Protein backbone atom coordinates (compact mmCIF):
# COMPACT_ATOMS: atom_id res chain seq x y z
CA MET A 1 -16.32 0.08 -0.25
CA GLN A 2 -16.11 3.49 -1.90
CA PHE A 3 -12.91 4.97 -3.13
CA GLU A 4 -11.26 8.25 -4.15
CA THR A 5 -9.00 8.13 -7.23
CA VAL A 6 -6.33 10.77 -7.45
CA HIS A 7 -3.39 10.86 -9.82
CA GLY A 8 -4.23 7.17 -10.76
CA VAL A 9 -4.21 6.04 -7.11
CA ARG A 10 -7.39 4.32 -5.78
CA ILE A 11 -7.80 4.77 -2.05
CA PRO A 12 -10.55 3.69 0.24
CA LYS A 13 -12.79 6.40 1.67
CA ILE A 14 -12.38 4.74 5.08
CA GLY A 15 -9.15 3.36 6.28
CA PHE A 16 -7.87 2.01 9.68
CA GLY A 17 -5.81 4.33 11.84
CA CYS A 18 -3.06 2.60 13.84
CA TRP A 19 -2.56 5.16 16.65
CA ARG A 20 -2.63 3.09 19.93
CA ILE A 21 -1.72 -0.16 18.24
CA GLY A 22 1.14 -1.51 20.37
CA GLY A 23 1.14 1.39 22.77
CA GLU A 24 1.12 5.28 22.40
CA ALA A 25 4.31 7.30 22.50
CA THR A 26 6.29 4.28 23.63
CA ALA A 27 5.81 0.48 23.03
CA ASP A 28 3.65 -1.27 25.47
CA PRO A 29 4.01 -5.09 24.86
CA SER A 30 1.21 -5.79 27.25
CA GLN A 31 -1.07 -4.55 24.49
CA ASP A 32 0.32 -6.73 21.69
CA GLU A 33 -2.38 -9.38 21.86
CA ARG A 34 -5.19 -6.77 21.93
CA SER A 35 -3.50 -4.89 19.06
CA LEU A 36 -3.00 -7.90 16.99
CA ALA A 37 -6.62 -8.91 17.65
CA ALA A 38 -7.80 -5.60 16.42
CA LEU A 39 -5.66 -5.80 13.29
CA ARG A 40 -6.87 -9.14 12.48
CA SER A 41 -10.62 -8.20 12.86
CA ALA A 42 -10.00 -5.14 10.64
CA LEU A 43 -8.37 -7.33 7.91
CA SER A 44 -11.22 -9.88 8.04
CA LEU A 45 -13.81 -7.05 7.72
CA GLY A 46 -12.11 -5.88 4.63
CA TYR A 47 -10.01 -2.86 5.64
CA THR A 48 -7.31 -2.39 3.01
CA HIS A 49 -5.73 1.01 3.89
CA PHE A 50 -3.64 1.14 7.13
CA ASP A 51 -2.22 4.17 8.57
CA THR A 52 0.81 4.09 10.92
CA ALA A 53 3.86 6.03 11.81
CA GLU A 54 7.45 5.60 13.24
CA TYR A 55 6.08 7.63 16.25
CA TYR A 56 3.25 5.28 17.17
CA ALA A 57 4.52 3.17 19.92
CA ALA A 58 7.98 4.11 19.00
CA GLY A 59 7.73 1.89 15.80
CA HIS A 60 6.09 -1.02 17.41
CA SER A 61 2.79 -0.19 15.70
CA GLU A 62 4.59 -0.78 12.41
CA GLU A 63 6.06 -4.10 13.75
CA LEU A 64 2.54 -5.40 14.74
CA LEU A 65 0.96 -4.29 11.56
CA GLY A 66 3.52 -6.13 9.47
CA ARG A 67 3.15 -9.20 11.61
CA ALA A 68 -0.66 -9.19 11.37
CA LEU A 69 -0.49 -8.82 7.58
CA ARG A 70 2.09 -11.63 7.17
CA GLU A 71 0.10 -13.97 9.47
CA ALA A 72 -3.16 -13.29 7.61
CA GLY A 73 -1.23 -14.05 4.31
CA VAL A 74 -2.26 -10.76 2.77
CA ALA A 75 -0.62 -10.02 -0.71
CA ARG A 76 1.40 -6.89 -0.46
CA GLU A 77 -0.28 -5.32 -3.48
CA SER A 78 -3.78 -5.86 -2.00
CA VAL A 79 -3.23 -3.35 0.78
CA PHE A 80 -2.31 0.39 0.86
CA ILE A 81 0.22 1.17 3.67
CA THR A 82 0.86 4.73 4.84
CA SER A 83 3.53 5.67 7.36
CA LYS A 84 5.05 8.84 8.54
CA VAL A 85 8.53 10.39 9.31
CA SER A 86 8.64 12.21 12.72
CA PRO A 87 9.56 16.06 12.88
CA ASN A 88 12.86 15.44 14.59
CA HIS A 89 13.96 13.29 11.54
CA LEU A 90 13.46 15.73 8.71
CA LYS A 91 17.10 16.26 7.78
CA TYR A 92 18.13 14.40 4.54
CA ASP A 93 20.02 11.47 5.98
CA ASP A 94 17.54 11.02 8.87
CA VAL A 95 14.59 10.80 6.38
CA LEU A 96 16.33 8.11 4.50
CA ARG A 97 17.13 6.23 7.69
CA SER A 98 13.64 6.64 9.13
CA CYS A 99 12.00 5.20 5.98
CA GLU A 100 14.42 2.27 5.93
CA ASN A 101 13.65 1.62 9.68
CA SER A 102 9.93 1.78 8.98
CA LEU A 103 10.26 -0.64 6.11
CA ARG A 104 12.32 -3.07 8.19
CA ARG A 105 9.72 -2.97 11.01
CA LEU A 106 6.93 -3.52 8.60
CA GLY A 107 8.81 -6.30 6.76
CA MET A 108 8.04 -4.59 3.32
CA ASP A 109 10.02 -3.36 0.37
CA TYR A 110 8.05 -0.20 -0.24
CA LEU A 111 5.42 2.20 1.29
CA ASP A 112 2.47 3.16 -0.68
CA LEU A 113 2.42 6.57 1.03
CA TYR A 114 4.98 8.40 3.16
CA LEU A 115 4.13 11.54 5.03
CA ILE A 116 5.81 14.29 6.95
CA HIS A 117 4.00 13.73 10.32
CA TRP A 118 4.29 17.20 11.67
CA PRO A 119 6.10 20.43 10.53
CA GLU A 120 8.91 21.53 12.61
CA ARG A 121 9.79 25.06 13.49
CA ASN A 122 12.72 26.22 11.25
CA MET A 123 12.69 22.95 9.27
CA ASN A 124 14.54 22.85 5.95
CA LEU A 125 11.69 21.76 3.83
CA PRO A 126 13.77 21.64 0.51
CA GLU A 127 16.29 19.35 2.32
CA THR A 128 13.48 17.13 3.46
CA PHE A 129 11.89 16.74 0.07
CA ARG A 130 15.32 16.07 -1.52
CA ALA A 131 15.34 12.91 0.60
CA LEU A 132 11.61 12.19 0.00
CA ASN A 133 12.01 12.62 -3.73
CA GLN A 134 15.00 10.34 -3.61
CA LEU A 135 12.89 7.66 -1.95
CA VAL A 136 10.29 7.86 -4.76
CA ARG A 137 12.91 7.67 -7.36
CA GLU A 138 14.29 4.43 -5.70
CA GLY A 139 10.93 2.87 -5.34
CA ARG A 140 10.97 2.77 -1.68
CA VAL A 141 8.15 5.00 -1.52
CA ARG A 142 5.26 5.15 -4.09
CA HIS A 143 3.63 8.43 -3.12
CA LEU A 144 4.27 11.35 -0.87
CA GLY A 145 2.20 13.55 1.36
CA VAL A 146 2.22 15.62 4.53
CA SER A 147 0.32 15.94 7.71
CA ASN A 148 -0.75 19.02 9.93
CA PHE A 149 0.44 21.45 7.25
CA ASN A 150 -1.24 24.85 6.99
CA LEU A 151 -2.02 26.30 3.55
CA ASN A 152 1.25 28.13 3.27
CA LEU A 153 3.32 24.94 4.01
CA LEU A 154 1.18 22.86 1.86
CA GLN A 155 1.79 24.99 -1.12
CA GLN A 156 5.51 24.93 -0.40
CA ALA A 157 5.44 21.11 -0.23
CA CYS A 158 3.60 20.87 -3.56
CA ALA A 159 6.20 22.99 -5.25
CA LEU A 160 9.00 20.95 -3.92
CA SER A 161 7.60 17.40 -4.54
CA GLU A 162 8.70 16.04 -7.85
CA THR A 163 5.52 13.89 -7.95
CA PRO A 164 1.97 15.14 -7.08
CA LEU A 165 1.34 15.14 -3.37
CA LEU A 166 -1.31 12.72 -2.44
CA THR A 167 -2.74 13.98 0.85
CA ASN A 168 -2.54 16.39 3.66
CA GLN A 169 -3.60 14.47 6.85
CA VAL A 170 -5.32 16.82 9.33
CA PRO A 171 -7.93 16.74 12.21
CA TYR A 172 -11.31 17.28 10.48
CA SER A 173 -14.74 16.44 11.85
CA ILE A 174 -18.29 17.99 12.17
CA PRO A 175 -17.24 19.89 15.18
CA ASP A 176 -13.56 20.66 14.00
CA ARG A 177 -13.56 22.77 10.79
CA SER A 178 -10.29 24.47 11.33
CA TYR A 179 -8.79 23.19 8.00
CA VAL A 180 -11.87 24.59 6.24
CA LYS A 181 -11.42 27.98 7.79
CA ASN A 182 -7.76 28.15 6.93
CA GLY A 183 -8.37 27.25 3.31
CA VAL A 184 -6.70 23.88 3.22
CA LEU A 185 -9.76 21.74 2.27
CA ALA A 186 -10.71 24.02 -0.65
CA TYR A 187 -6.96 24.06 -1.89
CA CYS A 188 -6.87 20.19 -1.74
CA GLN A 189 -10.20 19.85 -3.52
CA GLN A 190 -9.12 22.31 -6.26
CA HIS A 191 -5.67 20.61 -6.78
CA ASP A 192 -6.58 16.87 -6.51
CA ILE A 193 -5.10 16.48 -3.15
CA LEU A 194 -6.76 14.15 -0.58
CA LEU A 195 -7.62 15.60 2.77
CA THR A 196 -7.23 12.67 5.19
CA ALA A 197 -9.34 13.22 8.27
CA TYR A 198 -7.92 11.88 11.54
CA SER A 199 -9.79 12.04 14.81
CA PRO A 200 -13.04 12.09 12.89
CA VAL A 201 -15.30 11.18 15.83
CA LYS A 202 -13.10 11.95 18.71
CA SER A 203 -15.17 14.52 20.62
CA ARG A 204 -17.94 14.79 23.28
CA PHE A 205 -19.95 16.44 20.40
CA PHE A 206 -20.93 13.07 19.13
CA ARG A 207 -22.76 12.40 22.30
CA GLY A 208 -24.90 15.45 22.01
CA LYS A 209 -28.60 15.39 21.78
CA LYS A 210 -29.18 16.73 18.44
CA LEU A 211 -26.86 14.37 16.64
CA ALA A 212 -28.04 11.46 18.73
CA GLU A 213 -31.68 12.20 17.67
CA PHE A 214 -30.65 12.68 14.08
CA ALA A 215 -28.80 9.28 14.13
CA ARG A 216 -31.65 7.48 15.85
CA GLN A 217 -33.97 8.62 13.12
CA ARG A 218 -31.60 7.10 10.48
CA GLY A 219 -31.13 3.91 12.52
CA VAL A 220 -27.36 4.37 12.83
CA THR A 221 -24.92 5.57 15.55
CA PRO A 222 -23.78 9.26 15.75
CA PHE A 223 -20.31 8.06 14.92
CA GLN A 224 -21.52 6.67 11.68
CA ILE A 225 -23.09 9.90 10.82
CA GLY A 226 -19.87 11.62 11.51
CA LEU A 227 -17.94 9.49 9.17
CA ALA A 228 -20.68 9.57 6.52
CA TRP A 229 -20.45 13.33 6.60
CA LEU A 230 -16.77 13.20 5.90
CA VAL A 231 -16.77 10.68 3.09
CA HIS A 232 -19.72 12.40 1.33
CA GLN A 233 -17.35 15.26 0.55
CA PRO A 234 -15.14 15.06 -2.51
CA ARG A 235 -11.33 14.49 -2.00
CA VAL A 236 -11.90 13.66 1.72
CA ILE A 237 -11.09 10.24 3.26
CA THR A 238 -10.71 9.14 6.90
CA ILE A 239 -8.98 6.80 9.09
CA PRO A 240 -10.93 6.00 12.30
CA ALA A 241 -9.34 3.78 14.89
CA SER A 242 -10.98 1.16 17.05
CA PHE A 243 -10.14 -1.97 18.87
CA ASP A 244 -13.65 -3.21 18.97
CA PRO A 245 -14.65 -5.42 15.95
CA ARG A 246 -18.41 -4.14 16.21
CA HIS A 247 -17.33 -0.53 16.06
CA GLN A 248 -14.88 -1.46 13.20
CA ALA A 249 -17.68 -2.88 11.14
CA GLU A 250 -19.93 0.06 11.95
CA ASN A 251 -17.18 2.44 10.93
CA LEU A 252 -16.68 0.60 7.59
CA ALA A 253 -20.39 0.54 6.96
CA ALA A 254 -20.67 4.32 7.35
CA VAL A 255 -19.37 4.63 3.81
CA THR A 256 -22.65 3.41 2.45
CA LEU A 257 -24.71 5.97 4.26
CA LYS A 258 -26.26 8.42 1.95
CA LEU A 259 -26.85 11.91 3.16
CA SER A 260 -29.22 14.39 1.36
CA GLU A 261 -28.27 18.05 0.79
CA GLU A 262 -30.76 18.94 3.54
CA GLU A 263 -29.12 16.53 5.89
CA MET A 264 -25.59 17.82 5.06
CA ALA A 265 -26.89 21.33 5.64
CA PHE A 266 -28.27 20.25 9.07
CA LEU A 267 -25.08 18.56 10.07
CA ASN A 268 -23.12 21.58 8.92
CA SER A 269 -25.25 23.77 11.13
CA LEU A 270 -24.44 21.84 14.25
CA ALA A 271 -20.67 22.90 14.62
């Protein structure tokens, strides 16, 4: 496994996204066994960064993740757990309550990383960060970050956080460069902030002929090429999701793929 180290924190280049674990916007108990099987296989393969949120399956994703970790006998300090507060919970008391509920569902004493999931129109960002900073001071949260923040909001968040922001989690992939064009990636790289790419291979683009031929020549899948393209970049990590143990293993193996400057240039030209 390869890692990014920022502000003394060592995070795997490829983690495991928990969207659809336990359901989507609401809990779906019929998916529990399938979800637990996916988490168990991810743990057995060596995933150590798990990304969840109170929104995922209305908190049930957190419950299942906590259960899978306990059943596997995983030491708390050996995993890096990210969760997120929803945009309708950004007032001071709501942030504190949301974090406490996430910890309860996970069965943990602290989160390694806590993010604002989405910015909300007319949100009071200073009030939100007053609560987030309080959580860090109390040890309930180790590090703070944001998600889906544009450059202006990211700069505001950096100024309000009492500790260095660890990440901005955004959609980023070969066909989706919107957070390159808006300046966020460059700002993150210049200020030691991780850009965490979600939906890294969720596109029909990865079934296109040019990428398929390129991947065939390398003896890997187009999805692995998409992940390798991401983790080749400094200060970029990613959190692909999969229920299939074979795909989970392929995703994790993508971190070992080496891409030359010429190959990166070719992939850059495909968007």
